Amino acid sequence: MPRVNTVGRLYAVVLLAFFAGIPMACAELPALVAVPSPHPLLVSRSEITFDQWQACVSDRACKGGQDDHNWGRGARPVINVSWADARAYAKWLSAKTGHACRLPTEAEWERAAAGGAATAYWWGDGHGSGMANCRDCNGEPIYGSRPAGSFPPNPYGLLDMNGNVWEWTDDCWTAGACGQRVIKGGSWYYYSANATVRARARNDAGQGSYNIGIRVVCEP
């Protein structure tokens, strides 16, 4: 399903539900985008949304009851999920679709976020305006997350790789310190310096946050 993003580049959106034989009207599965990589890799086009998370909850494979802080649910990224919760979602998605899905490594995440560019953000070295949801990205701060698609996609067709909410990766913060995992991308609460491709932070693996969500990768 080829589409053209806001910078005029073609990208392909893969609907997992189609390949799994699941009627789209009955499924809330993430669309995936093929990202250039040393090995074939599909990346969820957006952060996993509350609606997509609820499908896993309904199958009793994920925990429910995540607080949305009155920002809304639906197409907004699910938050207050731990690293283990994120892995549980990827495991469920694998079983549901027959694809091997997991959390991205830090290197995979950076490759996807860069969109083929070598700059701080996929659009350049300045944080610009209207490109992402972070504290100093849009003149006036935006309080809380925004629904997927509120900002332009990167050249690979991926949404909100910069800002909105941090995203869990599979990497340990340091070797031998796997109780803390690397998070990437920054969030609405943090300044743009935290939303660059290379910026990194950490969070206790067993603890969720209103600033942290999920993006998955799957092997074709």
N, C-alpha and C. Protein backbone atom coordinates (compact mmCIF):
# COMPACT_ATOMS: atom_id res chain seq x y z
N MET A 1 0.84 -1.19 0.00
CA MET A 1 0.00 0.00 0.00
C MET A 1 0.88 1.24 0.00
N PRO A 2 1.36 1.69 -1.17
CA PRO A 2 2.27 2.83 -1.20
C PRO A 2 1.55 4.13 -0.89
N ARG A 3 2.22 5.01 -0.18
CA ARG A 3 1.70 6.33 0.12
C ARG A 3 2.83 7.34 -0.05
N VAL A 4 2.47 8.62 -0.12
CA VAL A 4 3.47 9.68 -0.20
C VAL A 4 3.35 10.52 1.05
N ASN A 5 4.49 10.74 1.73
CA ASN A 5 4.45 11.53 2.96
C ASN A 5 4.63 13.01 2.65
N THR A 6 4.72 13.82 3.70
CA THR A 6 4.73 15.27 3.53
C THR A 6 6.01 15.80 2.89
N VAL A 7 7.05 15.00 2.83
CA VAL A 7 8.27 15.46 2.15
C VAL A 7 8.41 14.81 0.78
N GLY A 8 7.29 14.23 0.29
CA GLY A 8 7.25 13.75 -1.08
C GLY A 8 7.94 12.44 -1.34
N ARG A 9 8.18 11.64 -0.31
CA ARG A 9 8.84 10.36 -0.52
C ARG A 9 7.84 9.23 -0.36
N LEU A 10 7.99 8.21 -1.20
CA LEU A 10 7.11 7.05 -1.12
C LEU A 10 7.50 6.18 0.07
N TYR A 11 6.50 5.61 0.71
CA TYR A 11 6.77 4.61 1.72
C TYR A 11 5.67 3.58 1.67
N ALA A 12 5.92 2.42 2.21
CA ALA A 12 4.94 1.34 2.17
C ALA A 12 4.41 1.07 3.56
N VAL A 13 3.10 1.03 3.68
CA VAL A 13 2.46 0.70 4.94
C VAL A 13 1.96 -0.73 4.85
N VAL A 14 2.36 -1.56 5.80
CA VAL A 14 1.96 -2.96 5.83
C VAL A 14 0.90 -3.13 6.90
N LEU A 15 -0.24 -3.67 6.52
CA LEU A 15 -1.31 -3.90 7.48
C LEU A 15 -1.21 -5.33 7.99
N LEU A 16 -0.79 -5.48 9.23
CA LEU A 16 -0.61 -6.81 9.79
C LEU A 16 -1.90 -7.61 9.77
N ALA A 17 -3.01 -6.94 10.02
CA ALA A 17 -4.28 -7.65 10.06
C ALA A 17 -4.57 -8.35 8.72
N PHE A 18 -4.19 -7.70 7.62
CA PHE A 18 -4.43 -8.29 6.30
C PHE A 18 -3.65 -9.59 6.15
N PHE A 19 -2.35 -9.54 6.49
CA PHE A 19 -1.53 -10.72 6.31
C PHE A 19 -1.89 -11.83 7.30
N ALA A 20 -2.48 -11.43 8.42
CA ALA A 20 -2.88 -12.43 9.41
C ALA A 20 -4.27 -12.98 9.11
N GLY A 21 -4.94 -12.45 8.09
CA GLY A 21 -6.27 -12.91 7.75
C GLY A 21 -7.33 -12.43 8.72
N ILE A 22 -7.07 -11.30 9.40
CA ILE A 22 -8.01 -10.76 10.38
C ILE A 22 -8.78 -9.62 9.73
N PRO A 23 -10.13 -9.65 9.75
CA PRO A 23 -10.89 -8.54 9.18
C PRO A 23 -10.51 -7.23 9.85
N MET A 24 -10.25 -6.20 9.04
CA MET A 24 -9.82 -4.93 9.61
C MET A 24 -10.85 -4.33 10.54
N ALA A 25 -12.15 -4.58 10.26
CA ALA A 25 -13.19 -4.02 11.12
C ALA A 25 -13.14 -4.62 12.51
N CYS A 26 -12.51 -5.79 12.64
CA CYS A 26 -12.48 -6.48 13.93
C CYS A 26 -11.12 -6.38 14.60
N ALA A 27 -10.16 -5.74 13.96
CA ALA A 27 -8.80 -5.75 14.48
C ALA A 27 -8.31 -4.35 14.77
N GLU A 28 -7.53 -4.24 15.82
CA GLU A 28 -6.83 -3.00 16.12
C GLU A 28 -5.35 -3.33 16.19
N LEU A 29 -4.77 -3.58 15.03
CA LEU A 29 -3.36 -3.94 14.95
C LEU A 29 -2.59 -2.81 14.30
N PRO A 30 -1.35 -2.60 14.71
CA PRO A 30 -0.58 -1.47 14.18
C PRO A 30 -0.19 -1.66 12.72
N ALA A 31 -0.23 -0.56 11.96
CA ALA A 31 0.36 -0.56 10.62
C ALA A 31 1.87 -0.51 10.77
N LEU A 32 2.57 -1.17 9.88
CA LEU A 32 4.03 -1.24 9.92
C LEU A 32 4.62 -0.61 8.67
N VAL A 33 5.83 -0.10 8.81
CA VAL A 33 6.54 0.53 7.71
C VAL A 33 7.88 -0.17 7.52
N ALA A 34 8.20 -0.52 6.28
CA ALA A 34 9.49 -1.14 5.98
C ALA A 34 10.58 -0.08 6.05
N VAL A 35 11.60 -0.34 6.87
CA VAL A 35 12.70 0.60 7.08
C VAL A 35 13.99 -0.02 6.54
N PRO A 36 14.77 0.73 5.75
CA PRO A 36 16.06 0.20 5.27
C PRO A 36 16.93 -0.24 6.44
N SER A 37 17.44 -1.44 6.36
CA SER A 37 18.17 -2.02 7.48
C SER A 37 19.07 -3.13 6.95
N PRO A 38 20.15 -3.47 7.68
CA PRO A 38 20.98 -4.60 7.26
C PRO A 38 20.20 -5.90 7.13
N HIS A 39 19.10 -6.01 7.86
CA HIS A 39 18.21 -7.15 7.71
C HIS A 39 16.78 -6.62 7.60
N PRO A 40 15.87 -7.33 6.93
CA PRO A 40 14.51 -6.83 6.75
C PRO A 40 13.85 -6.47 8.08
N LEU A 41 13.26 -5.29 8.14
CA LEU A 41 12.68 -4.82 9.39
C LEU A 41 11.44 -3.98 9.12
N LEU A 42 10.38 -4.28 9.84
CA LEU A 42 9.16 -3.49 9.80
C LEU A 42 9.01 -2.79 11.15
N VAL A 43 8.67 -1.52 11.11
CA VAL A 43 8.55 -0.71 12.33
C VAL A 43 7.12 -0.19 12.42
N SER A 44 6.53 -0.24 13.61
CA SER A 44 5.17 0.27 13.74
C SER A 44 5.14 1.74 13.38
N ARG A 45 4.19 2.10 12.53
CA ARG A 45 4.17 3.45 11.97
C ARG A 45 4.03 4.50 13.07
N SER A 46 3.27 4.18 14.10
CA SER A 46 3.08 5.11 15.22
C SER A 46 3.43 4.41 16.51
N GLU A 47 3.49 5.18 17.57
CA GLU A 47 3.54 4.58 18.90
C GLU A 47 2.26 3.78 19.10
N ILE A 48 2.36 2.68 19.81
CA ILE A 48 1.18 1.84 20.04
C ILE A 48 0.12 2.67 20.77
N THR A 49 -1.08 2.68 20.22
CA THR A 49 -2.14 3.53 20.76
C THR A 49 -2.94 2.80 21.84
N PHE A 50 -3.74 3.56 22.55
CA PHE A 50 -4.62 2.96 23.55
C PHE A 50 -5.56 1.94 22.89
N ASP A 51 -6.09 2.26 21.71
CA ASP A 51 -6.98 1.33 21.03
C ASP A 51 -6.26 0.03 20.68
N GLN A 52 -5.02 0.14 20.20
CA GLN A 52 -4.26 -1.05 19.86
C GLN A 52 -3.91 -1.85 21.10
N TRP A 53 -3.58 -1.17 22.17
CA TRP A 53 -3.28 -1.84 23.44
C TRP A 53 -4.51 -2.58 23.94
N GLN A 54 -5.68 -1.97 23.80
CA GLN A 54 -6.90 -2.58 24.33
C GLN A 54 -7.19 -3.92 23.67
N ALA A 55 -6.80 -4.08 22.40
CA ALA A 55 -6.99 -5.37 21.74
C ALA A 55 -6.22 -6.47 22.47
N CYS A 56 -5.04 -6.14 22.95
CA CYS A 56 -4.23 -7.10 23.72
C CYS A 56 -4.85 -7.35 25.09
N VAL A 57 -5.36 -6.29 25.71
CA VAL A 57 -6.04 -6.43 27.00
C VAL A 57 -7.26 -7.33 26.85
N SER A 58 -8.02 -7.13 25.79
CA SER A 58 -9.24 -7.92 25.56
C SER A 58 -8.92 -9.39 25.39
N ASP A 59 -7.73 -9.69 24.88
CA ASP A 59 -7.29 -11.07 24.74
C ASP A 59 -6.62 -11.60 26.01
N ARG A 60 -6.61 -10.77 27.05
CA ARG A 60 -6.04 -11.12 28.36
C ARG A 60 -4.55 -11.43 28.28
N ALA A 61 -3.89 -10.80 27.33
CA ALA A 61 -2.44 -10.96 27.20
C ALA A 61 -1.68 -9.74 27.72
N CYS A 62 -2.40 -8.64 27.95
CA CYS A 62 -1.80 -7.41 28.47
C CYS A 62 -2.63 -6.91 29.65
N LYS A 63 -1.98 -6.17 30.51
CA LYS A 63 -2.66 -5.57 31.66
C LYS A 63 -3.45 -4.35 31.21
N GLY A 64 -4.60 -4.16 31.82
CA GLY A 64 -5.42 -2.99 31.53
C GLY A 64 -5.34 -1.97 32.65
N GLY A 65 -6.13 -0.93 32.53
CA GLY A 65 -6.24 0.07 33.58
C GLY A 65 -5.22 1.17 33.55
N GLN A 66 -4.52 1.36 32.42
CA GLN A 66 -3.51 2.43 32.35
C GLN A 66 -4.19 3.80 32.42
N ASP A 67 -3.67 4.66 33.26
CA ASP A 67 -4.20 6.01 33.43
C ASP A 67 -3.85 6.85 32.21
N ASP A 68 -4.83 7.52 31.63
CA ASP A 68 -4.54 8.39 30.49
C ASP A 68 -4.38 9.85 30.89
N HIS A 69 -4.42 10.13 32.19
CA HIS A 69 -4.25 11.48 32.73
C HIS A 69 -5.24 12.49 32.13
N ASN A 70 -6.40 11.96 31.74
CA ASN A 70 -7.47 12.80 31.17
C ASN A 70 -7.08 13.47 29.86
N TRP A 71 -6.06 12.96 29.17
CA TRP A 71 -5.69 13.49 27.86
C TRP A 71 -6.54 12.86 26.77
N GLY A 72 -7.12 11.70 27.06
CA GLY A 72 -7.87 10.95 26.07
C GLY A 72 -7.16 9.65 25.71
N ARG A 73 -7.90 8.73 25.12
CA ARG A 73 -7.34 7.43 24.77
C ARG A 73 -7.36 7.27 23.25
N GLY A 74 -8.05 6.30 22.73
CA GLY A 74 -8.18 6.19 21.27
C GLY A 74 -6.85 6.12 20.55
N ALA A 75 -6.56 7.13 19.74
CA ALA A 75 -5.35 7.16 18.91
C ALA A 75 -4.15 7.76 19.61
N ARG A 76 -4.29 8.12 20.88
CA ARG A 76 -3.13 8.60 21.63
C ARG A 76 -2.27 7.42 22.06
N PRO A 77 -0.97 7.65 22.26
CA PRO A 77 -0.10 6.53 22.65
C PRO A 77 -0.44 6.01 24.04
N VAL A 78 -0.47 4.70 24.17
CA VAL A 78 -0.66 4.12 25.49
C VAL A 78 0.53 4.50 26.36
N ILE A 79 0.27 4.83 27.61
CA ILE A 79 1.31 5.24 28.55
C ILE A 79 1.16 4.45 29.83
N ASN A 80 2.07 4.69 30.78
CA ASN A 80 2.06 3.97 32.05
C ASN A 80 2.17 2.46 31.85
N VAL A 81 3.05 2.08 30.94
CA VAL A 81 3.35 0.68 30.69
C VAL A 81 4.84 0.45 30.96
N SER A 82 5.15 -0.62 31.65
CA SER A 82 6.54 -0.94 31.96
C SER A 82 7.20 -1.61 30.76
N TRP A 83 8.51 -1.83 30.89
CA TRP A 83 9.25 -2.54 29.84
C TRP A 83 8.68 -3.95 29.66
N ALA A 84 8.37 -4.62 30.77
CA ALA A 84 7.79 -5.97 30.69
C ALA A 84 6.42 -5.92 30.02
N ASP A 85 5.63 -4.90 30.33
CA ASP A 85 4.33 -4.74 29.66
C ASP A 85 4.51 -4.59 28.15
N ALA A 86 5.51 -3.79 27.77
CA ALA A 86 5.78 -3.57 26.35
C ALA A 86 6.17 -4.88 25.66
N ARG A 87 6.98 -5.67 26.32
CA ARG A 87 7.37 -6.96 25.75
C ARG A 87 6.18 -7.91 25.65
N ALA A 88 5.29 -7.83 26.62
CA ALA A 88 4.08 -8.66 26.58
C ALA A 88 3.23 -8.32 25.36
N TYR A 89 3.15 -7.03 25.05
CA TYR A 89 2.39 -6.63 23.86
C TYR A 89 3.04 -7.19 22.60
N ALA A 90 4.35 -7.08 22.49
CA ALA A 90 5.05 -7.60 21.32
C ALA A 90 4.87 -9.11 21.19
N LYS A 91 4.89 -9.80 22.31
CA LYS A 91 4.68 -11.25 22.29
C LYS A 91 3.28 -11.58 21.80
N TRP A 92 2.30 -10.84 22.29
CA TRP A 92 0.92 -11.04 21.84
C TRP A 92 0.79 -10.77 20.34
N LEU A 93 1.41 -9.70 19.88
CA LEU A 93 1.34 -9.34 18.46
C LEU A 93 1.97 -10.42 17.60
N SER A 94 3.05 -11.01 18.08
CA SER A 94 3.69 -12.11 17.36
C SER A 94 2.73 -13.29 17.21
N ALA A 95 2.08 -13.65 18.32
CA ALA A 95 1.16 -14.78 18.29
C ALA A 95 -0.06 -14.48 17.42
N LYS A 96 -0.48 -13.24 17.43
CA LYS A 96 -1.68 -12.84 16.69
C LYS A 96 -1.45 -12.85 15.19
N THR A 97 -0.25 -12.51 14.76
CA THR A 97 0.01 -12.29 13.34
C THR A 97 0.93 -13.31 12.69
N GLY A 98 1.69 -14.05 13.49
CA GLY A 98 2.66 -14.96 12.93
C GLY A 98 3.98 -14.31 12.56
N HIS A 99 4.11 -13.01 12.82
CA HIS A 99 5.37 -12.30 12.61
C HIS A 99 6.15 -12.28 13.93
N ALA A 100 7.47 -12.26 13.85
CA ALA A 100 8.30 -12.15 15.05
C ALA A 100 8.41 -10.67 15.42
N CYS A 101 7.68 -10.25 16.44
CA CYS A 101 7.64 -8.85 16.85
C CYS A 101 8.32 -8.70 18.21
N ARG A 102 8.93 -7.54 18.42
CA ARG A 102 9.69 -7.29 19.65
C ARG A 102 9.90 -5.79 19.78
N LEU A 103 10.58 -5.40 20.85
CA LEU A 103 11.00 -4.01 21.00
C LEU A 103 12.25 -3.77 20.16
N PRO A 104 12.44 -2.57 19.64
CA PRO A 104 13.64 -2.29 18.84
C PRO A 104 14.89 -2.19 19.71
N THR A 105 16.03 -2.51 19.14
CA THR A 105 17.28 -2.15 19.79
C THR A 105 17.46 -0.64 19.66
N GLU A 106 18.39 -0.09 20.42
CA GLU A 106 18.65 1.34 20.31
C GLU A 106 19.13 1.70 18.90
N ALA A 107 19.99 0.86 18.33
CA ALA A 107 20.51 1.13 16.98
C ALA A 107 19.39 1.08 15.94
N GLU A 108 18.50 0.12 16.06
CA GLU A 108 17.37 0.03 15.14
C GLU A 108 16.47 1.24 15.27
N TRP A 109 16.24 1.66 16.51
CA TRP A 109 15.38 2.83 16.73
C TRP A 109 16.00 4.06 16.08
N GLU A 110 17.29 4.27 16.27
CA GLU A 110 17.95 5.45 15.70
C GLU A 110 17.91 5.43 14.18
N ARG A 111 18.10 4.28 13.59
CA ARG A 111 18.06 4.18 12.13
C ARG A 111 16.67 4.56 11.62
N ALA A 112 15.65 4.09 12.30
CA ALA A 112 14.28 4.42 11.89
C ALA A 112 13.98 5.90 12.10
N ALA A 113 14.41 6.45 13.23
CA ALA A 113 14.11 7.85 13.55
C ALA A 113 14.82 8.81 12.61
N ALA A 114 16.02 8.47 12.18
CA ALA A 114 16.80 9.37 11.32
C ALA A 114 16.17 9.55 9.95
N GLY A 115 15.44 8.57 9.49
CA GLY A 115 14.79 8.68 8.19
C GLY A 115 15.77 8.85 7.04
N GLY A 116 16.98 8.33 7.21
CA GLY A 116 17.99 8.45 6.17
C GLY A 116 18.85 9.70 6.27
N ALA A 117 18.57 10.57 7.24
CA ALA A 117 19.32 11.82 7.41
C ALA A 117 20.46 11.62 8.40
N ALA A 118 21.40 12.56 8.40
CA ALA A 118 22.52 12.52 9.35
C ALA A 118 22.47 13.73 10.27
N THR A 119 21.30 14.31 10.43
CA THR A 119 21.11 15.51 11.25
C THR A 119 20.51 15.16 12.60
N ALA A 120 20.38 16.16 13.46
CA ALA A 120 19.87 15.92 14.81
C ALA A 120 18.45 15.36 14.79
N TYR A 121 17.65 15.89 13.88
CA TYR A 121 16.29 15.41 13.66
C TYR A 121 16.17 15.04 12.19
N TRP A 122 15.19 14.29 11.81
CA TRP A 122 15.10 13.89 10.41
C TRP A 122 14.92 15.09 9.48
N TRP A 123 14.38 16.20 10.00
CA TRP A 123 14.14 17.38 9.16
C TRP A 123 15.29 18.38 9.20
N GLY A 124 16.31 18.17 10.03
CA GLY A 124 17.43 19.10 10.10
C GLY A 124 18.01 19.17 11.49
N ASP A 125 18.83 20.18 11.73
CA ASP A 125 19.49 20.30 13.04
C ASP A 125 18.75 21.21 14.01
N GLY A 126 17.83 22.03 13.54
CA GLY A 126 17.03 22.86 14.42
C GLY A 126 15.71 22.18 14.72
N HIS A 127 15.14 22.47 15.92
CA HIS A 127 13.91 21.77 16.28
C HIS A 127 12.70 22.25 15.49
N GLY A 128 12.84 23.40 14.83
CA GLY A 128 11.77 23.87 13.96
C GLY A 128 10.50 24.20 14.72
N SER A 129 9.39 24.21 14.03
CA SER A 129 8.09 24.46 14.64
C SER A 129 7.05 23.61 13.92
N GLY A 130 6.18 23.01 14.69
CA GLY A 130 5.13 22.19 14.11
C GLY A 130 5.59 20.84 13.61
N MET A 131 6.77 20.40 14.06
CA MET A 131 7.31 19.13 13.60
C MET A 131 7.18 18.01 14.63
N ALA A 132 7.05 18.37 15.89
CA ALA A 132 7.03 17.36 16.95
C ALA A 132 6.37 17.94 18.19
N ASN A 133 6.01 17.06 19.10
CA ASN A 133 5.39 17.46 20.36
C ASN A 133 6.43 17.42 21.48
N CYS A 134 7.07 18.56 21.73
CA CYS A 134 7.99 18.68 22.86
C CYS A 134 7.84 20.07 23.46
N ARG A 135 8.47 20.30 24.59
CA ARG A 135 8.20 21.50 25.37
C ARG A 135 8.46 22.79 24.61
N ASP A 136 9.53 22.83 23.82
CA ASP A 136 9.88 24.06 23.11
C ASP A 136 9.78 23.90 21.59
N CYS A 137 8.97 22.96 21.14
CA CYS A 137 8.90 22.67 19.71
C CYS A 137 7.86 23.50 18.97
N ASN A 138 6.93 24.12 19.67
CA ASN A 138 5.79 24.73 18.99
C ASN A 138 5.43 26.10 19.53
N GLY A 139 6.41 26.83 20.03
CA GLY A 139 6.12 28.14 20.61
C GLY A 139 5.56 28.00 22.00
N GLU A 140 4.29 27.71 22.09
CA GLU A 140 3.66 27.47 23.38
C GLU A 140 3.71 25.97 23.69
N PRO A 141 4.09 25.60 24.92
CA PRO A 141 4.13 24.18 25.27
C PRO A 141 2.76 23.52 25.12
N ILE A 142 2.76 22.28 24.67
CA ILE A 142 1.55 21.46 24.61
C ILE A 142 1.57 20.54 25.81
N TYR A 143 0.51 20.57 26.61
CA TYR A 143 0.49 19.71 27.79
C TYR A 143 -0.13 18.37 27.42
N GLY A 144 0.66 17.32 27.54
CA GLY A 144 0.16 15.98 27.30
C GLY A 144 0.48 15.47 25.90
N SER A 145 0.17 14.21 25.70
CA SER A 145 0.43 13.57 24.41
C SER A 145 -0.58 14.05 23.37
N ARG A 146 -0.28 13.74 22.12
CA ARG A 146 -1.18 14.05 21.01
C ARG A 146 -1.46 12.78 20.21
N PRO A 147 -2.62 12.69 19.57
CA PRO A 147 -2.93 11.49 18.78
C PRO A 147 -1.92 11.26 17.66
N ALA A 148 -1.73 10.02 17.30
CA ALA A 148 -0.86 9.68 16.18
C ALA A 148 -1.32 10.42 14.93
N GLY A 149 -0.36 10.98 14.20
CA GLY A 149 -0.68 11.70 12.98
C GLY A 149 -0.87 13.18 13.17
N SER A 150 -0.64 13.69 14.38
CA SER A 150 -0.78 15.13 14.63
C SER A 150 0.38 15.93 14.04
N PHE A 151 1.48 15.25 13.75
CA PHE A 151 2.67 15.91 13.20
C PHE A 151 3.14 15.15 11.97
N PRO A 152 3.97 15.78 11.12
CA PRO A 152 4.36 15.14 9.86
C PRO A 152 5.15 13.84 10.07
N PRO A 153 5.00 12.87 9.16
CA PRO A 153 5.82 11.66 9.21
C PRO A 153 7.23 11.94 8.73
N ASN A 154 8.17 11.10 9.15
CA ASN A 154 9.53 11.25 8.64
C ASN A 154 9.63 10.63 7.24
N PRO A 155 10.77 10.73 6.58
CA PRO A 155 10.87 10.22 5.20
C PRO A 155 10.57 8.73 5.05
N TYR A 156 10.64 7.97 6.13
CA TYR A 156 10.26 6.56 6.06
C TYR A 156 8.77 6.36 6.28
N GLY A 157 8.06 7.43 6.63
CA GLY A 157 6.63 7.32 6.89
C GLY A 157 6.28 7.09 8.34
N LEU A 158 7.24 7.22 9.24
CA LEU A 158 7.03 6.96 10.66
C LEU A 158 6.58 8.23 11.38
N LEU A 159 5.67 8.07 12.32
CA LEU A 159 5.08 9.19 13.06
C LEU A 159 5.66 9.29 14.47
N ASP A 160 5.90 10.52 14.91
CA ASP A 160 6.24 10.81 16.31
C ASP A 160 7.48 10.07 16.81
N MET A 161 8.47 9.90 15.94
CA MET A 161 9.74 9.36 16.42
C MET A 161 10.44 10.38 17.32
N ASN A 162 10.11 11.64 17.14
CA ASN A 162 10.66 12.72 17.98
C ASN A 162 9.52 13.29 18.80
N GLY A 163 9.67 13.28 20.12
CA GLY A 163 8.66 13.88 20.98
C GLY A 163 7.45 12.98 21.21
N ASN A 164 6.41 13.57 21.74
CA ASN A 164 5.15 12.94 22.15
C ASN A 164 5.36 12.12 23.41
N VAL A 165 5.86 10.88 23.31
CA VAL A 165 6.25 10.13 24.50
C VAL A 165 7.55 9.39 24.21
N TRP A 166 8.33 9.18 25.26
CA TRP A 166 9.51 8.33 25.13
C TRP A 166 9.07 6.93 24.69
N GLU A 167 10.00 6.17 24.14
CA GLU A 167 9.69 4.82 23.68
C GLU A 167 10.71 3.83 24.24
N TRP A 168 10.19 2.74 24.79
CA TRP A 168 11.07 1.69 25.30
C TRP A 168 11.89 1.07 24.16
N THR A 169 13.14 0.74 24.46
CA THR A 169 13.93 -0.12 23.59
C THR A 169 14.29 -1.38 24.35
N ASP A 170 14.88 -2.32 23.66
CA ASP A 170 15.24 -3.59 24.29
C ASP A 170 16.59 -3.51 24.99
N ASP A 171 17.34 -2.42 24.80
CA ASP A 171 18.71 -2.35 25.29
C ASP A 171 18.80 -2.03 26.78
N CYS A 172 19.76 -2.68 27.43
CA CYS A 172 20.11 -2.32 28.81
C CYS A 172 20.80 -0.95 28.80
N TRP A 173 20.65 -0.21 29.90
CA TRP A 173 21.29 1.11 29.97
C TRP A 173 22.80 0.97 29.85
N THR A 174 23.37 0.07 30.59
CA THR A 174 24.78 -0.29 30.45
C THR A 174 24.90 -1.80 30.61
N ALA A 175 26.00 -2.35 30.15
CA ALA A 175 26.21 -3.79 30.29
C ALA A 175 26.14 -4.17 31.77
N GLY A 176 25.33 -5.14 32.07
CA GLY A 176 25.20 -5.58 33.44
C GLY A 176 24.24 -4.76 34.27
N ALA A 177 23.60 -3.75 33.66
CA ALA A 177 22.63 -2.91 34.38
C ALA A 177 21.29 -2.97 33.65
N CYS A 178 20.75 -4.17 33.54
CA CYS A 178 19.53 -4.36 32.76
C CYS A 178 18.26 -4.06 33.55
N GLY A 179 18.42 -3.70 34.82
CA GLY A 179 17.27 -3.24 35.58
C GLY A 179 16.77 -1.90 35.07
N GLN A 180 17.62 -1.21 34.31
CA GLN A 180 17.23 0.03 33.64
C GLN A 180 17.39 -0.16 32.14
N ARG A 181 16.40 0.29 31.39
CA ARG A 181 16.41 0.13 29.94
C ARG A 181 16.45 1.48 29.25
N VAL A 182 17.04 1.49 28.07
CA VAL A 182 17.15 2.73 27.29
C VAL A 182 15.78 3.12 26.75
N ILE A 183 15.45 4.40 26.89
CA ILE A 183 14.27 4.97 26.25
C ILE A 183 14.73 6.05 25.27
N LYS A 184 13.98 6.22 24.21
CA LYS A 184 14.40 7.10 23.12
C LYS A 184 13.25 8.01 22.69
N GLY A 185 13.63 9.16 22.12
CA GLY A 185 12.67 9.99 21.42
C GLY A 185 12.17 11.23 22.13
N GLY A 186 12.40 11.33 23.44
CA GLY A 186 11.89 12.49 24.15
C GLY A 186 10.38 12.44 24.33
N SER A 187 9.82 13.51 24.86
CA SER A 187 8.37 13.54 25.08
C SER A 187 7.85 14.96 25.12
N TRP A 188 6.55 15.09 25.24
CA TRP A 188 5.90 16.40 25.32
C TRP A 188 6.42 17.21 26.50
N TYR A 189 6.88 16.54 27.55
CA TYR A 189 7.29 17.21 28.78
C TYR A 189 8.72 17.74 28.69
N TYR A 190 9.53 17.14 27.83
CA TYR A 190 10.96 17.46 27.76
C TYR A 190 11.27 18.40 26.60
N TYR A 191 12.40 19.09 26.73
CA TYR A 191 12.83 20.02 25.69
C TYR A 191 13.34 19.26 24.46
N SER A 192 13.48 20.00 23.37
CA SER A 192 13.83 19.40 22.08
C SER A 192 15.17 18.69 22.09
N ALA A 193 16.09 19.10 22.94
CA ALA A 193 17.40 18.43 23.01
C ALA A 193 17.25 16.96 23.36
N ASN A 194 16.18 16.61 24.05
CA ASN A 194 15.94 15.22 24.41
C ASN A 194 15.26 14.43 23.29
N ALA A 195 14.84 15.13 22.24
CA ALA A 195 14.10 14.49 21.16
C ALA A 195 14.94 14.24 19.91
N THR A 196 16.25 14.49 20.00
CA THR A 196 17.11 14.22 18.84
C THR A 196 17.26 12.72 18.62
N VAL A 197 17.74 12.37 17.46
CA VAL A 197 17.92 10.96 17.13
C VAL A 197 18.87 10.28 18.10
N ARG A 198 19.95 10.96 18.50
CA ARG A 198 20.97 10.34 19.33
C ARG A 198 20.71 10.45 20.83
N ALA A 199 19.83 11.34 21.24
CA ALA A 199 19.57 11.51 22.68
C ALA A 199 19.04 10.22 23.28
N ARG A 200 19.44 9.95 24.50
CA ARG A 200 18.99 8.73 25.16
C ARG A 200 18.76 9.01 26.63
N ALA A 201 17.88 8.25 27.23
CA ALA A 201 17.62 8.33 28.66
C ALA A 201 17.34 6.92 29.15
N ARG A 202 17.04 6.80 30.42
CA ARG A 202 16.81 5.47 30.99
C ARG A 202 15.61 5.51 31.92
N ASN A 203 15.06 4.34 32.14
CA ASN A 203 13.96 4.21 33.08
C ASN A 203 14.01 2.81 33.68
N ASP A 204 13.59 2.70 34.93
CA ASP A 204 13.53 1.38 35.55
C ASP A 204 12.60 0.49 34.75
N ALA A 205 13.07 -0.70 34.44
CA ALA A 205 12.30 -1.60 33.57
C ALA A 205 10.94 -1.96 34.16
N GLY A 206 10.84 -1.98 35.47
CA GLY A 206 9.59 -2.38 36.10
C GLY A 206 8.63 -1.24 36.35
N GLN A 207 8.97 -0.07 35.88
CA GLN A 207 8.16 1.11 36.18
C GLN A 207 7.69 1.80 34.91
N GLY A 208 6.39 2.02 34.79
CA GLY A 208 5.85 2.80 33.69
C GLY A 208 5.86 4.28 34.03
N SER A 209 5.44 5.10 33.09
CA SER A 209 5.42 6.55 33.29
C SER A 209 4.42 7.17 32.32
N TYR A 210 3.90 8.34 32.70
CA TYR A 210 3.02 9.08 31.79
C TYR A 210 3.80 9.68 30.63
N ASN A 211 5.13 9.50 30.63
CA ASN A 211 5.99 10.00 29.55
C ASN A 211 6.48 8.91 28.62
N ILE A 212 6.15 7.65 28.89
CA ILE A 212 6.76 6.54 28.15
C ILE A 212 5.70 5.67 27.50
N GLY A 213 5.93 5.34 26.22
CA GLY A 213 5.05 4.46 25.48
C GLY A 213 5.83 3.37 24.78
N ILE A 214 5.27 2.86 23.69
CA ILE A 214 5.81 1.67 23.02
C ILE A 214 5.83 1.87 21.51
N ARG A 215 6.87 1.40 20.88
CA ARG A 215 6.89 1.17 19.43
C ARG A 215 7.51 -0.21 19.22
N VAL A 216 6.98 -0.97 18.30
CA VAL A 216 7.48 -2.32 18.08
C VAL A 216 8.12 -2.43 16.70
N VAL A 217 8.96 -3.45 16.56
CA VAL A 217 9.48 -3.84 15.25
C VAL A 217 9.10 -5.29 15.02
N CYS A 218 8.92 -5.65 13.76
CA CYS A 218 8.58 -7.02 13.40
C CYS A 218 9.43 -7.45 12.21
N GLU A 219 9.70 -8.72 12.15
CA GLU A 219 10.43 -9.27 11.01
C GLU A 219 9.42 -9.76 9.99
N PRO A 220 9.63 -9.44 8.71
CA PRO A 220 8.65 -9.82 7.67
C PRO A 220 8.43 -11.33 7.61
